[in-house]
Amino acid sequence: MESKCATCPMRKKAEENPHTFKARLWRWHTKWCPGWKAYQRELAAQQSREV
């Protein structure tokens, strides 16, 4: 599954202002979101290729 988290506008806003309600909502949704889990696997694979 290819995720769109790298370009997600909600993620970018949450990172810009981590204390807002939207940021807390975004962090909550990452606990169960299959797209976020796929994105984390993609990042891990990229890091293992770089090393």
Protein backbone atom coordinates (compact mmCIF):
# COMPACT_ATOMS: atom_id res chain seq x y z
CA MET A 1 0.00 0.00 0.00
CA GLU A 2 1.45 3.32 -1.04
CA SER A 3 0.64 6.05 1.43
CA LYS A 4 0.02 9.72 0.79
CA CYS A 5 1.26 10.80 4.21
CA ALA A 6 4.37 12.50 2.79
CA THR A 7 2.15 15.07 1.08
CA CYS A 8 -0.79 15.07 3.51
CA PRO A 9 -1.88 18.65 4.28
CA MET A 10 -3.29 17.60 7.66
CA ARG A 11 0.06 16.09 8.69
CA LYS A 12 1.94 19.21 7.61
CA LYS A 13 -0.39 21.48 9.59
CA ALA A 14 -0.07 19.22 12.63
CA GLU A 15 3.72 19.41 12.45
CA GLU A 16 3.63 23.20 12.10
CA ASN A 17 1.35 23.63 15.14
CA PRO A 18 1.61 20.54 17.34
CA HIS A 19 -0.53 21.95 20.18
CA THR A 20 -3.71 22.49 18.20
CA PHE A 21 -6.81 20.31 18.30
CA LYS A 22 -6.24 19.25 14.68
CA ALA A 23 -2.74 18.08 15.57
CA ARG A 24 -4.06 16.01 18.48
CA LEU A 25 -6.73 14.55 16.19
CA TRP A 26 -4.10 13.69 13.58
CA ARG A 27 -1.87 11.98 16.18
CA TRP A 28 -4.87 9.99 17.45
CA HIS A 29 -5.75 8.79 13.97
CA THR A 30 -2.18 7.58 13.31
CA LYS A 31 -2.67 4.90 15.97
CA TRP A 32 -5.08 2.96 13.72
CA CYS A 33 -4.60 4.38 10.22
CA PRO A 34 -3.36 1.73 7.75
CA GLY A 35 -1.94 4.45 5.50
CA TRP A 36 0.23 5.80 8.32
CA LYS A 37 1.50 2.32 9.11
CA ALA A 38 2.39 1.83 5.44
CA TYR A 39 4.18 5.19 5.44
CA GLN A 40 6.23 4.15 8.48
CA ARG A 41 7.22 0.93 6.69
CA GLU A 42 8.23 2.95 3.61
CA LEU A 43 10.43 5.23 5.75
CA ALA A 44 12.04 2.25 7.48
CA ALA A 45 12.79 0.63 4.12
CA GLN A 46 14.33 3.87 2.81
CA GLN A 47 16.55 4.18 5.88
CA SER A 48 17.73 0.59 5.62
CA ARG A 49 18.68 1.16 1.95
CA GLU A 50 20.64 4.33 2.84
CA VAL A 51 22.75 2.63 5.49
